[in-house]
């Protein structure tokens, strides 16, 4: 089964950049859609960006379009989220997720989750 480990979070000033990484391991990886979600204190977990592992199709939340880029390295089973022009409202714990139900924005469509990595954007 798929296991996910995120890294790359930290503290950055508004306008700066960070790149999150998600290392995947286990069998069946190529059956999955992959996504990044985030959860700020007191808020629900929300979809940020998603990618279909085989075809490479991507989707983005409106709030991050043009600023964030999701990508993968199939040879390393790595998923990335390049975040540019960061804003204070991007502050959240970011989670990598994998799911066999296609590329969807609802967290219930994903059955594998990483432990999360904190991103803090100071204004």
PDB file of N, CA and C in Angstrom:
ATOM      1  N   UNK A   1       0.829  -1.179   0.000  1.00  0.00           N
ATOM      2  CA  UNK A   1       0.000   0.000   0.000  1.00  0.00           C
ATOM      3  C   UNK A   1       0.876   1.247   0.000  1.00  0.00           C
ATOM      4  N   UNK A   2       0.284   2.345  -0.416  1.00  0.00           N
ATOM      5  CA  UNK A   2       1.025   3.595  -0.573  1.00  0.00           C
ATOM      6  C   UNK A   2       1.228   4.278   0.774  1.00  0.00           C
ATOM      7  N   UNK A   3       2.450   4.761   0.988  1.00  0.00           N
ATOM      8  CA  UNK A   3       2.766   5.575   2.148  1.00  0.00           C
ATOM      9  C   UNK A   3       3.356   6.896   1.654  1.00  0.00           C
ATOM     10  N   UNK A   4       3.055   7.985   2.368  1.00  0.00           N
ATOM     11  CA  UNK A   4       3.441   9.322   1.924  1.00  0.00           C
ATOM     12  C   UNK A   4       4.134  10.068   3.047  1.00  0.00           C
ATOM     13  N   UNK A   5       5.218  10.776   2.704  1.00  0.00           N
ATOM     14  CA  UNK A   5       5.952  11.580   3.682  1.00  0.00           C
ATOM     15  C   UNK A   5       6.256  12.936   3.055  1.00  0.00           C
ATOM     16  N   UNK A   6       5.742  14.004   3.696  1.00  0.00           N
ATOM     17  CA  UNK A   6       5.969  15.355   3.189  1.00  0.00           C
ATOM     18  C   UNK A   6       7.209  15.980   3.812  1.00  0.00           C
ATOM     19  N   UNK A   7       7.760  16.956   3.111  1.00  0.00           N
ATOM     20  CA  UNK A   7       8.853  17.763   3.633  1.00  0.00           C
ATOM     21  C   UNK A   7       8.862  19.102   2.902  1.00  0.00           C
ATOM     22  N   UNK A   8       9.629  20.048   3.444  1.00  0.00           N
ATOM     23  CA  UNK A   8       9.820  21.314   2.752  1.00  0.00           C
ATOM     24  C   UNK A   8       9.082  22.505   3.312  1.00  0.00           C
ATOM     25  N   UNK A   9       8.265  22.295   4.322  1.00  0.00           N
ATOM     26  CA  UNK A   9       7.562  23.424   4.912  1.00  0.00           C
ATOM     27  C   UNK A   9       8.513  24.324   5.691  1.00  0.00           C
ATOM     28  N   UNK A  10       8.005  25.467   6.133  1.00  0.00           N
ATOM     29  CA  UNK A  10       8.819  26.389   6.904  1.00  0.00           C
ATOM     30  C   UNK A  10       8.189  27.753   7.002  1.00  0.00           C
ATOM     31  N   UNK A  11       9.001  28.709   7.438  1.00  0.00           N
ATOM     32  CA  UNK A  11       8.571  30.095   7.596  1.00  0.00           C
ATOM     33  C   UNK A  11       9.139  30.919   6.453  1.00  0.00           C
ATOM     34  N   UNK A  12       8.286  31.699   5.817  1.00  0.00           N
ATOM     35  CA  UNK A  12       8.722  32.512   4.683  1.00  0.00           C
ATOM     36  C   UNK A  12       7.967  33.835   4.726  1.00  0.00           C
ATOM     37  N   UNK A  13       8.589  34.876   4.213  1.00  0.00           N
ATOM     38  CA  UNK A  13       7.921  36.172   4.149  1.00  0.00           C
ATOM     39  C   UNK A  13       6.946  36.209   2.977  1.00  0.00           C
ATOM     40  N   UNK A  14       5.952  37.045   3.120  1.00  0.00           N
ATOM     41  CA  UNK A  14       4.995  37.222   2.023  1.00  0.00           C
ATOM     42  C   UNK A  14       5.731  37.632   0.748  1.00  0.00           C
ATOM     43  N   UNK A  15       5.319  37.019  -0.358  1.00  0.00           N
ATOM     44  CA  UNK A  15       5.984  37.251  -1.630  1.00  0.00           C
ATOM     45  C   UNK A  15       7.069  36.247  -1.939  1.00  0.00           C
ATOM     46  N   UNK A  16       7.450  35.457  -0.951  1.00  0.00           N
ATOM     47  CA  UNK A  16       8.500  34.472  -1.125  1.00  0.00           C
ATOM     48  C   UNK A  16       7.997  33.168  -1.716  1.00  0.00           C
ATOM     49  N   UNK A  17       8.894  32.182  -1.752  1.00  0.00           N
ATOM     50  CA  UNK A  17       8.602  30.890  -2.365  1.00  0.00           C
ATOM     51  C   UNK A  17       9.030  29.747  -1.458  1.00  0.00           C
ATOM     52  N   UNK A  18       8.346  28.629  -1.607  1.00  0.00           N
ATOM     53  CA  UNK A  18       8.716  27.376  -0.966  1.00  0.00           C
ATOM     54  C   UNK A  18       8.384  26.248  -1.927  1.00  0.00           C
ATOM     55  N   UNK A  19       9.101  25.144  -1.793  1.00  0.00           N
ATOM     56  CA  UNK A  19       8.751  23.940  -2.547  1.00  0.00           C
ATOM     57  C   UNK A  19       8.536  22.797  -1.562  1.00  0.00           C
ATOM     58  N   UNK A  20       7.356  22.241  -1.597  1.00  0.00           N
ATOM     59  CA  UNK A  20       7.028  21.078  -0.793  1.00  0.00           C
ATOM     60  C   UNK A  20       7.302  19.814  -1.598  1.00  0.00           C
ATOM     61  N   UNK A  21       7.730  18.785  -0.883  1.00  0.00           N
ATOM     62  CA  UNK A  21       7.972  17.489  -1.506  1.00  0.00           C
ATOM     63  C   UNK A  21       7.183  16.421  -0.781  1.00  0.00           C
ATOM     64  N   UNK A  22       6.817  15.397  -1.525  1.00  0.00           N
ATOM     65  CA  UNK A  22       6.087  14.262  -0.955  1.00  0.00           C
ATOM     66  C   UNK A  22       6.706  12.992  -1.522  1.00  0.00           C
ATOM     67  N   UNK A  23       7.307  12.218  -0.644  1.00  0.00           N
ATOM     68  CA  UNK A  23       7.917  10.950  -1.059  1.00  0.00           C
ATOM     69  C   UNK A  23       6.889   9.844  -0.920  1.00  0.00           C
ATOM     70  N   UNK A  24       6.616   9.157  -2.006  1.00  0.00           N
ATOM     71  CA  UNK A  24       5.675   8.058  -1.982  1.00  0.00           C
ATOM     72  C   UNK A  24       6.393   6.716  -2.027  1.00  0.00           C
ATOM     73  N   UNK A  25       5.833   5.735  -1.371  1.00  0.00           N
ATOM     74  CA  UNK A  25       6.388   4.388  -1.399  1.00  0.00           C
ATOM     75  C   UNK A  25       5.247   3.388  -1.366  1.00  0.00           C
ATOM     76  N   UNK A  26       5.555   2.160  -1.779  1.00  0.00           N
ATOM     77  CA  UNK A  26       4.544   1.128  -1.758  1.00  0.00           C
ATOM     78  C   UNK A  26       4.087   0.755  -3.142  1.00  0.00           C
ATOM     79  N   UNK A  27       3.194  -0.199  -3.194  1.00  0.00           N
ATOM     80  CA  UNK A  27       2.730  -0.723  -4.482  1.00  0.00           C
ATOM     81  C   UNK A  27       1.454  -0.005  -4.913  1.00  0.00           C
ATOM     82  N   UNK A  28       1.200  -0.095  -6.204  1.00  0.00           N
ATOM     83  CA  UNK A  28      -0.032   0.478  -6.721  1.00  0.00           C
ATOM     84  C   UNK A  28      -0.006   1.966  -6.922  1.00  0.00           C
ATOM     85  N   UNK A  29       1.169   2.558  -6.890  1.00  0.00           N
ATOM     86  CA  UNK A  29       1.260   4.011  -7.005  1.00  0.00           C
ATOM     87  C   UNK A  29       0.663   4.518  -8.298  1.00  0.00           C
ATOM     88  N   UNK A  30       0.816   3.757  -9.392  1.00  0.00           N
ATOM     89  CA  UNK A  30       0.388   4.264 -10.687  1.00  0.00           C
ATOM     90  C   UNK A  30      -1.126   4.226 -10.853  1.00  0.00           C
ATOM     91  N   UNK A  31      -1.849   3.689  -9.879  1.00  0.00           N
ATOM     92  CA  UNK A  31      -3.308   3.707  -9.947  1.00  0.00           C
ATOM     93  C   UNK A  31      -3.903   4.964  -9.333  1.00  0.00           C
ATOM     94  N   UNK A  32      -3.057   5.816  -8.792  1.00  0.00           N
ATOM     95  CA  UNK A  32      -3.547   6.877  -7.933  1.00  0.00           C
ATOM     96  C   UNK A  32      -3.576   8.244  -8.595  1.00  0.00           C
ATOM     97  N   UNK A  33      -4.504   9.054  -8.115  1.00  0.00           N
ATOM     98  CA  UNK A  33      -4.436  10.488  -8.279  1.00  0.00           C
ATOM     99  C   UNK A  33      -3.768  11.043  -7.020  1.00  0.00           C
ATOM    100  N   UNK A  34      -2.983  12.082  -7.205  1.00  0.00           N
ATOM    101  CA  UNK A  34      -2.248  12.680  -6.095  1.00  0.00           C
ATOM    102  C   UNK A  34      -2.703  14.119  -5.913  1.00  0.00           C
ATOM    103  N   UNK A  35      -2.641  14.583  -4.689  1.00  0.00           N
ATOM    104  CA  UNK A  35      -3.103  15.951  -4.445  1.00  0.00           C
ATOM    105  C   UNK A  35      -2.420  16.548  -3.235  1.00  0.00           C
ATOM    106  N   UNK A  36      -2.450  17.854  -3.195  1.00  0.00           N
ATOM    107  CA  UNK A  36      -2.064  18.612  -2.009  1.00  0.00           C
ATOM    108  C   UNK A  36      -3.324  19.266  -1.446  1.00  0.00           C
ATOM    109  N   UNK A  37      -3.494  19.108  -0.156  1.00  0.00           N
ATOM    110  CA  UNK A  37      -4.538  19.795   0.600  1.00  0.00           C
ATOM    111  C   UNK A  37      -3.861  20.653   1.658  1.00  0.00           C
ATOM    112  N   UNK A  38      -4.635  21.559   2.219  1.00  0.00           N
ATOM    113  CA  UNK A  38      -4.120  22.349   3.341  1.00  0.00           C
ATOM    114  C   UNK A  38      -5.226  22.592   4.345  1.00  0.00           C
ATOM    115  N   UNK A  39      -4.808  22.806   5.585  1.00  0.00           N
ATOM    116  CA  UNK A  39      -5.766  23.066   6.652  1.00  0.00           C
ATOM    117  C   UNK A  39      -5.201  24.123   7.581  1.00  0.00           C
ATOM    118  N   UNK A  40      -5.898  25.240   7.654  1.00  0.00           N
ATOM    119  CA  UNK A  40      -5.535  26.320   8.562  1.00  0.00           C
ATOM    120  C   UNK A  40      -6.299  26.134   9.870  1.00  0.00           C
ATOM    121  N   UNK A  41      -5.801  26.707  10.955  1.00  0.00           N
ATOM    122  CA  UNK A  41      -6.479  26.551  12.252  1.00  0.00           C
ATOM    123  C   UNK A  41      -7.927  27.010  12.180  1.00  0.00           C
ATOM    124  N   UNK A  42      -8.822  26.159  12.665  1.00  0.00           N
ATOM    125  CA  UNK A  42     -10.228  26.507  12.701  1.00  0.00           C
ATOM    126  C   UNK A  42     -10.954  26.387  11.385  1.00  0.00           C
ATOM    127  N   UNK A  43     -10.262  25.900  10.359  1.00  0.00           N
ATOM    128  CA  UNK A  43     -10.882  25.777   9.038  1.00  0.00           C
ATOM    129  C   UNK A  43     -10.865  24.333   8.578  1.00  0.00           C
ATOM    130  N   UNK A  44     -11.719  24.047   7.595  1.00  0.00           N
ATOM    131  CA  UNK A  44     -11.755  22.715   7.041  1.00  0.00           C
ATOM    132  C   UNK A  44     -10.561  22.494   6.101  1.00  0.00           C
ATOM    133  N   UNK A  45     -10.242  21.214   5.912  1.00  0.00           N
ATOM    134  CA  UNK A  45      -9.186  20.870   4.969  1.00  0.00           C
ATOM    135  C   UNK A  45      -9.662  21.199   3.557  1.00  0.00           C
ATOM    136  N   UNK A  46      -8.819  21.878   2.790  1.00  0.00           N
ATOM    137  CA  UNK A  46      -9.219  22.301   1.465  1.00  0.00           C
ATOM    138  C   UNK A  46      -8.227  21.846   0.410  1.00  0.00           C
ATOM    139  N   UNK A  47      -8.768  21.591  -0.771  1.00  0.00           N
ATOM    140  CA  UNK A  47      -7.979  21.173  -1.924  1.00  0.00           C
ATOM    141  C   UNK A  47      -7.129  22.331  -2.403  1.00  0.00           C
ATOM    142  N   UNK A  48      -5.877  22.038  -2.722  1.00  0.00           N
ATOM    143  CA  UNK A  48      -4.965  23.040  -3.259  1.00  0.00           C
ATOM    144  C   UNK A  48      -4.651  22.745  -4.719  1.00  0.00           C
ATOM    145  N   UNK A  49      -4.172  21.533  -4.981  1.00  0.00           N
ATOM    146  CA  UNK A  49      -3.807  21.149  -6.348  1.00  0.00           C
ATOM    147  C   UNK A  49      -3.792  19.639  -6.438  1.00  0.00           C
ATOM    148  N   UNK A  50      -4.041  19.119  -7.646  1.00  0.00           N
ATOM    149  CA  UNK A  50      -4.039  17.687  -7.842  1.00  0.00           C
ATOM    150  C   UNK A  50      -3.435  17.305  -9.175  1.00  0.00           C
ATOM    151  N   UNK A  51      -3.018  16.057  -9.252  1.00  0.00           N
ATOM    152  CA  UNK A  51      -2.328  15.576 -10.448  1.00  0.00           C
ATOM    153  C   UNK A  51      -2.638  14.101 -10.612  1.00  0.00           C
ATOM    154  N   UNK A  52      -2.945  13.690 -11.840  1.00  0.00           N
ATOM    155  CA  UNK A  52      -3.130  12.268 -12.107  1.00  0.00           C
ATOM    156  C   UNK A  52      -1.771  11.670 -12.400  1.00  0.00           C
ATOM    157  N   UNK A  53      -1.403  10.616 -11.654  1.00  0.00           N
ATOM    158  CA  UNK A  53      -0.036  10.122 -11.662  1.00  0.00           C
ATOM    159  C   UNK A  53       0.421   9.669 -13.039  1.00  0.00           C
ATOM    160  N   UNK A  54      -0.441   8.973 -13.776  1.00  0.00           N
ATOM    161  CA  UNK A  54      -0.036   8.440 -15.074  1.00  0.00           C
ATOM    162  C   UNK A  54      -0.128   9.500 -16.165  1.00  0.00           C
ATOM    163  N   UNK A  55      -1.268  10.133 -16.300  1.00  0.00           N
ATOM    164  CA  UNK A  55      -1.485  11.073 -17.398  1.00  0.00           C
ATOM    165  C   UNK A  55      -0.908  12.451 -17.175  1.00  0.00           C
ATOM    166  N   UNK A  56      -0.708  12.822 -15.922  1.00  0.00           N
ATOM    167  CA  UNK A  56      -0.146  14.121 -15.611  1.00  0.00           C
ATOM    168  C   UNK A  56      -1.124  15.275 -15.626  1.00  0.00           C
ATOM    169  N   UNK A  57      -2.427  15.007 -15.812  1.00  0.00           N
ATOM    170  CA  UNK A  57      -3.403  16.101 -15.783  1.00  0.00           C
ATOM    171  C   UNK A  57      -3.385  16.768 -14.414  1.00  0.00           C
ATOM    172  N   UNK A  58      -3.570  18.072 -14.418  1.00  0.00           N
ATOM    173  CA  UNK A  58      -3.519  18.825 -13.172  1.00  0.00           C
ATOM    174  C   UNK A  58      -4.773  19.667 -12.981  1.00  0.00           C
ATOM    175  N   UNK A  59      -5.048  19.969 -11.735  1.00  0.00           N
ATOM    176  CA  UNK A  59      -6.120  20.894 -11.377  1.00  0.00           C
ATOM    177  C   UNK A  59      -5.650  21.727 -10.195  1.00  0.00           C
ATOM    178  N   UNK A  60      -6.169  22.947 -10.126  1.00  0.00           N
ATOM    179  CA  UNK A  60      -5.779  23.860  -9.066  1.00  0.00           C
ATOM    180  C   UNK A  60      -7.000  24.544  -8.459  1.00  0.00           C
ATOM    181  N   UNK A  61      -6.910  24.835  -7.177  1.00  0.00           N
ATOM    182  CA  UNK A  61      -7.907  25.684  -6.558  1.00  0.00           C
ATOM    183  C   UNK A  61      -7.739  27.104  -7.099  1.00  0.00           C
ATOM    184  N   UNK A  62      -8.845  27.825  -7.204  1.00  0.00           N
ATOM    185  CA  UNK A  62      -8.778  29.183  -7.739  1.00  0.00           C
ATOM    186  C   UNK A  62      -7.828  30.064  -6.944  1.00  0.00           C
ATOM    187  N   UNK A  63      -7.754  29.821  -5.641  1.00  0.00           N
ATOM    188  CA  UNK A  63      -6.945  30.682  -4.769  1.00  0.00           C
ATOM    189  C   UNK A  63      -5.447  30.591  -5.061  1.00  0.00           C
ATOM    190  N   UNK A  64      -5.025  29.519  -5.739  1.00  0.00           N
ATOM    191  CA  UNK A  64      -3.580  29.330  -5.963  1.00  0.00           C
ATOM    192  C   UNK A  64      -3.204  29.312  -7.438  1.00  0.00           C
ATOM    193  N   UNK A  65      -4.179  29.384  -8.320  1.00  0.00           N
ATOM    194  CA  UNK A  65      -3.876  29.361  -9.756  1.00  0.00           C
ATOM    195  C   UNK A  65      -2.925  30.494 -10.123  1.00  0.00           C
ATOM    196  N   UNK A  66      -1.912  30.137 -10.906  1.00  0.00           N
ATOM    197  CA  UNK A  66      -0.935  31.129 -11.327  1.00  0.00           C
ATOM    198  C   UNK A  66       0.199  31.340 -10.339  1.00  0.00           C
ATOM    199  N   UNK A  67       0.044  30.812  -9.137  1.00  0.00           N
ATOM    200  CA  UNK A  67       1.102  30.970  -8.117  1.00  0.00           C
ATOM    201  C   UNK A  67       1.737  29.634  -7.733  1.00  0.00           C
ATOM    202  N   UNK A  68       0.937  28.566  -7.708  1.00  0.00           N
ATOM    203  CA  UNK A  68       1.419  27.246  -7.307  1.00  0.00           C
ATOM    204  C   UNK A  68       1.483  26.332  -8.521  1.00  0.00           C
ATOM    205  N   UNK A  69       2.456  25.409  -8.494  1.00  0.00           N
ATOM    206  CA  UNK A  69       2.587  24.413  -9.552  1.00  0.00           C
ATOM    207  C   UNK A  69       2.807  23.048  -8.939  1.00  0.00           C
ATOM    208  N   UNK A  70       1.977  22.092  -9.317  1.00  0.00           N
ATOM    209  CA  UNK A  70       2.139  20.717  -8.871  1.00  0.00           C
ATOM    210  C   UNK A  70       2.852  19.936  -9.964  1.00  0.00           C
ATOM    211  N   UNK A  71       3.752  19.053  -9.539  1.00  0.00           N
ATOM    212  CA  UNK A  71       4.492  18.249 -10.509  1.00  0.00           C
ATOM    213  C   UNK A  71       4.912  16.949  -9.853  1.00  0.00           C
ATOM    214  N   UNK A  72       5.398  16.027 -10.678  1.00  0.00           N
ATOM    215  CA  UNK A  72       5.870  14.775 -10.116  1.00  0.00           C
ATOM    216  C   UNK A  72       7.096  14.293 -10.868  1.00  0.00           C
ATOM    217  N   UNK A  73       7.891  13.462 -10.168  1.00  0.00           N
ATOM    218  CA  UNK A  73       8.998  12.751 -10.766  1.00  0.00           C
ATOM    219  C   UNK A  73       8.668  11.271 -10.627  1.00  0.00           C
ATOM    220  N   UNK A  74       8.214  10.683 -11.717  1.00  0.00           N
ATOM    221  CA  UNK A  74       7.753   9.307 -11.650  1.00  0.00           C
ATOM    222  C   UNK A  74       8.878   8.350 -11.285  1.00  0.00           C
ATOM    223  N   UNK A  75      10.095   8.630 -11.715  1.00  0.00           N
ATOM    224  CA  UNK A  75      11.222   7.736 -11.455  1.00  0.00           C
ATOM    225  C   UNK A  75      11.563   7.671  -9.970  1.00  0.00           C
ATOM    226  N   UNK A  76      11.227   8.735  -9.231  1.00  0.00           N
ATOM    227  CA  UNK A  76      11.553   8.791  -7.804  1.00  0.00           C
ATOM    228  C   UNK A  76      10.316   8.671  -6.925  1.00  0.00           C
ATOM    229  N   UNK A  77       9.133   8.530  -7.532  1.00  0.00           N
ATOM    230  CA  UNK A  77       7.881   8.518  -6.760  1.00  0.00           C
ATOM    231  C   UNK A  77       7.767   9.772  -5.889  1.00  0.00           C
ATOM    232  N   UNK A  78       8.112  10.902  -6.464  1.00  0.00           N
ATOM    233  CA  UNK A  78       8.067  12.165  -5.737  1.00  0.00           C
ATOM    234  C   UNK A  78       6.987  13.072  -6.316  1.00  0.00           C
ATOM    235  N   UNK A  79       6.274  13.721  -5.440  1.00  0.00           N
ATOM    236  CA  UNK A  79       5.286  14.740  -5.795  1.00  0.00           C
ATOM    237  C   UNK A  79       5.769  16.060  -5.222  1.00  0.00           C
ATOM    238  N   UNK A  80       5.599  17.138  -5.984  1.00  0.00           N
ATOM    239  CA  UNK A  80       6.085  18.438  -5.551  1.00  0.00           C
ATOM    240  C   UNK A  80       4.972  19.478  -5.610  1.00  0.00           C
ATOM    241  N   UNK A  81       5.137  20.523  -4.801  1.00  0.00           N
ATOM    242  CA  UNK A  81       4.276  21.698  -4.907  1.00  0.00           C
ATOM    243  C   UNK A  81       5.177  22.919  -4.809  1.00  0.00           C
ATOM    244  N   UNK A  82       5.375  23.569  -5.934  1.00  0.00           N
ATOM    245  CA  UNK A  82       6.130  24.819  -5.960  1.00  0.00           C
ATOM    246  C   UNK A  82       5.173  25.959  -5.668  1.00  0.00           C
ATOM    247  N   UNK A  83       5.473  26.714  -4.621  1.00  0.00           N
ATOM    248  CA  UNK A  83       4.588  27.785  -4.186  1.00  0.00           C
ATOM    249  C   UNK A  83       5.333  29.117  -4.313  1.00  0.00           C
ATOM    250  N   UNK A  84       4.835  29.974  -5.166  1.00  0.00           N
ATOM    251  CA  UNK A  84       5.425  31.292  -5.386  1.00  0.00           C
ATOM    252  C   UNK A  84       4.446  32.374  -4.962  1.00  0.00           C
ATOM    253  N   UNK A  85       4.972  33.581  -4.799  1.00  0.00           N
ATOM    254  CA  UNK A  85       4.145  34.736  -4.419  1.00  0.00           C
ATOM    255  C   UNK A  85       3.255  34.400  -3.230  1.00  0.00           C
ATOM    256  N   UNK A  86       3.851  33.833  -2.218  1.00  0.00           N
ATOM    257  CA  UNK A  86       3.077  33.380  -1.063  1.00  0.00           C
ATOM    258  C   UNK A  86       2.439  34.549  -0.335  1.00  0.00           C
ATOM    259  N   UNK A  87       1.251  34.276   0.198  1.00  0.00           N
ATOM    260  CA  UNK A  87       0.471  35.253   0.937  1.00  0.00           C
ATOM    261  C   UNK A  87       0.228  34.740   2.352  1.00  0.00           C
ATOM    262  N   UNK A  88      -0.117  35.649   3.252  1.00  0.00           N
ATOM    263  CA  UNK A  88      -0.366  35.231   4.630  1.00  0.00           C
ATOM    264  C   UNK A  88      -1.506  34.218   4.698  1.00  0.00           C
ATOM    265  N   UNK A  89      -2.467  34.325   3.801  1.00  0.00           N
ATOM    266  CA  UNK A  89      -3.594  33.389   3.816  1.00  0.00           C
ATOM    267  C   UNK A  89      -3.222  31.994   3.322  1.00  0.00           C
ATOM    268  N   UNK A  90      -1.989  31.810   2.841  1.00  0.00           N
ATOM    269  CA  UNK A  90      -1.518  30.474   2.486  1.00  0.00           C
ATOM    270  C   UNK A  90      -1.000  29.720   3.704  1.00  0.00           C
ATOM    271  N   UNK A  91      -0.923  30.369   4.840  1.00  0.00           N
ATOM    272  CA  UNK A  91      -0.456  29.723   6.065  1.00  0.00           C
ATOM    273  C   UNK A  91      -1.385  28.577   6.449  1.00  0.00           C
ATOM    274  N   UNK A  92      -0.816  27.385   6.595  1.00  0.00           N
ATOM    275  CA  UNK A  92      -1.605  26.196   6.899  1.00  0.00           C
ATOM    276  C   UNK A  92      -0.661  25.002   7.039  1.00  0.00           C
ATOM    277  N   UNK A  93      -1.216  23.903   7.497  1.00  0.00           N
ATOM    278  CA  UNK A  93      -0.524  22.618   7.389  1.00  0.00           C
ATOM    279  C   UNK A  93      -0.890  22.031   6.029  1.00  0.00           C
ATOM    280  N   UNK A  94       0.119  21.648   5.279  1.00  0.00           N
ATOM    281  CA  UNK A  94      -0.086  21.107   3.934  1.00  0.00           C
ATOM    282  C   UNK A  94       0.085  19.596   3.970  1.00  0.00           C
ATOM    283  N   UNK A  95      -0.871  18.905   3.343  1.00  0.00           N
ATOM    284  CA  UNK A  95      -0.888  17.453   3.323  1.00  0.00           C
ATOM    285  C   UNK A  95      -0.808  16.929   1.899  1.00  0.00           C
ATOM    286  N   UNK A  96      -0.043  15.892   1.729  1.00  0.00           N
ATOM    287  CA  UNK A  96      -0.008  15.143   0.485  1.00  0.00           C
ATOM    288  C   UNK A  96      -1.009  14.004   0.613  1.00  0.00           C
ATOM    289  N   UNK A  97      -1.739  13.714  -0.465  1.00  0.00           N
ATOM    290  CA  UNK A  97      -2.755  12.678  -0.426  1.00  0.00           C
ATOM    291  C   UNK A  97      -2.751  11.880  -1.719  1.00  0.00           C
ATOM    292  N   UNK A  98      -3.167  10.622  -1.607  1.00  0.00           N
ATOM    293  CA  UNK A  98      -3.276   9.746  -2.775  1.00  0.00           C
ATOM    294  C   UNK A  98      -4.617   9.030  -2.722  1.00  0.00           C
ATOM    295  N   UNK A  99      -5.226   8.864  -3.890  1.00  0.00           N
ATOM    296  CA  UNK A  99      -6.524   8.204  -3.915  1.00  0.00           C
ATOM    297  C   UNK A  99      -6.772   7.507  -5.229  1.00  0.00           C
ATOM    298  N   UNK A 100      -7.522   6.395  -5.201  1.00  0.00           N
ATOM    299  CA  UNK A 100      -7.763   5.602  -6.408  1.00  0.00           C
ATOM    300  C   UNK A 100      -9.028   5.987  -7.158  1.00  0.00           C
ATOM    301  N   UNK A 101      -9.653   7.108  -6.795  1.00  0.00           N
ATOM    302  CA  UNK A 101     -10.964   7.434  -7.359  1.00  0.00           C
ATOM    303  C   UNK A 101     -10.911   8.544  -8.389  1.00  0.00           C
ATOM    304  N   UNK A 102      -9.742   8.835  -8.909  1.00  0.00           N
ATOM    305  CA  UNK A 102      -9.627   9.898  -9.897  1.00  0.00           C
ATOM    306  C   UNK A 102      -9.297  11.216  -9.245  1.00  0.00           C
ATOM    307  N   UNK A 103      -9.008  12.206 -10.079  1.00  0.00           N
ATOM    308  CA  UNK A 103      -8.579  13.511  -9.605  1.00  0.00           C
ATOM    309  C   UNK A 103      -9.797  14.309  -9.155  1.00  0.00           C
ATOM    310  N   UNK A 104      -9.937  14.466  -7.845  1.00  0.00           N
ATOM    311  CA  UNK A 104     -11.100  15.140  -7.276  1.00  0.00           C
ATOM    312  C   UNK A 104     -10.662  16.082  -6.173  1.00  0.00           C
ATOM    313  N   UNK A 105     -11.522  17.022  -5.871  1.00  0.00           N
ATOM    314  CA  UNK A 105     -11.186  18.057  -4.890  1.00  0.00           C
ATOM    315  C   UNK A 105     -11.663  17.728  -3.485  1.00  0.00           C
ATOM    316  N   UNK A 106     -12.420  16.681  -3.321  1.00  0.00           N
ATOM    317  CA  UNK A 106     -12.962  16.361  -1.992  1.00  0.00           C
ATOM    318  C   UNK A 106     -11.984  15.465  -1.247  1.00  0.00           C
ATOM    319  N   UNK A 107     -11.658  15.808  -0.013  1.00  0.00           N
ATOM    320  CA  UNK A 107     -10.697  14.974   0.728  1.00  0.00           C
ATOM    321  C   UNK A 107     -11.163  13.543   0.934  1.00  0.00           C
ATOM    322  N   UNK A 108     -12.461  13.310   0.914  1.00  0.00           N
ATOM    323  CA  UNK A 108     -12.973  11.952   1.074  1.00  0.00           C
ATOM    324  C   UNK A 108     -12.627  11.021  -0.065  1.00  0.00           C
ATOM    325  N   UNK A 109     -12.141  11.578  -1.182  1.00  0.00           N
ATOM    326  CA  UNK A 109     -11.751  10.759  -2.328  1.00  0.00           C
ATOM    327  C   UNK A 109     -10.337  10.211  -2.204  1.00  0.00           C
ATOM    328  N   UNK A 110      -9.662  10.552  -1.125  1.00  0.00           N
ATOM    329  CA  UNK A 110      -8.266  10.143  -0.945  1.00  0.00           C
ATOM    330  C   UNK A 110      -8.172   9.266   0.298  1.00  0.00           C
ATOM    331  N   UNK A 111      -7.475   8.134   0.152  1.00  0.00           N
ATOM    332  CA  UNK A 111      -7.412   7.193   1.264  1.00  0.00           C
ATOM    333  C   UNK A 111      -6.013   7.027   1.850  1.00  0.00           C
ATOM    334  N   UNK A 112      -5.072   7.775   1.331  1.00  0.00           N
ATOM    335  CA  UNK A 112      -3.708   7.770   1.877  1.00  0.00           C
ATOM    336  C   UNK A 112      -3.287   9.210   2.118  1.00  0.00           C
ATOM    337  N   UNK A 113      -2.742   9.474   3.323  1.00  0.00           N
ATOM    338  CA  UNK A 113      -2.370  10.839   3.700  1.00  0.00           C
ATOM    339  C   UNK A 113      -0.994  10.839   4.351  1.00  0.00           C
ATOM    340  N   UNK A 114      -0.253  11.892   4.085  1.00  0.00           N
ATOM    341  CA  UNK A 114       0.981  12.103   4.818  1.00  0.00           C
ATOM    342  C   UNK A 114       0.697  12.742   6.169  1.00  0.00           C
ATOM    343  N   UNK A 115       1.748  13.004   6.907  1.00  0.00           N
ATOM    344  CA  UNK A 115       1.610  13.543   8.256  1.00  0.00           C
ATOM    345  C   UNK A 115       1.429  15.060   8.260  1.00  0.00           C
ATOM    346  N   UNK A 116       1.715  15.709   7.148  1.00  0.00           N
ATOM    347  CA  UNK A 116       1.547  17.159   7.039  1.00  0.00           C
ATOM    348  C   UNK A 116       2.843  17.911   7.299  1.00  0.00           C
ATOM    349  N   UNK A 117       2.958  19.070   6.695  1.00  0.00           N
ATOM    350  CA  UNK A 117       4.107  19.945   6.910  1.00  0.00           C
ATOM    351  C   UNK A 117       3.597  21.382   7.041  1.00  0.00           C
ATOM    352  N   UNK A 118       4.113  22.092   8.025  1.00  0.00           N
ATOM    353  CA  UNK A 118       3.620  23.432   8.320  1.00  0.00           C
ATOM    354  C   UNK A 118       4.251  24.469   7.382  1.00  0.00           C
ATOM    355  N   UNK A 119       3.401  25.304   6.819  1.00  0.00           N
ATOM    356  CA  UNK A 119       3.847  26.455   6.037  1.00  0.00           C
ATOM    357  C   UNK A 119       3.318  27.711   6.719  1.00  0.00           C
ATOM    358  N   UNK A 120       4.218  28.610   7.069  1.00  0.00           N
ATOM    359  CA  UNK A 120       3.836  29.857   7.711  1.00  0.00           C
ATOM    360  C   UNK A 120       4.363  31.018   6.889  1.00  0.00           C
ATOM    361  N   UNK A 121       3.452  31.900   6.486  1.00  0.00           N
ATOM    362  CA  UNK A 121       3.820  33.064   5.668  1.00  0.00           C
ATOM    363  C   UNK A 121       3.627  34.309   6.525  1.00  0.00           C
ATOM    364  N   UNK A 122       4.704  35.034   6.768  1.00  0.00           N
ATOM    365  CA  UNK A 122       4.621  36.240   7.587  1.00  0.00           C
ATOM    366  C   UNK A 122       4.404  37.450   6.693  1.00  0.00           C
ATOM    367  N   UNK A 123       3.560  38.353   7.172  1.00  0.00           N
ATOM    368  CA  UNK A 123       3.244  39.537   6.364  1.00  0.00           C
ATOM    369  C   UNK A 123       4.094  40.724   6.781  1.00  0.00           C
TER     370      UNK A 123
END
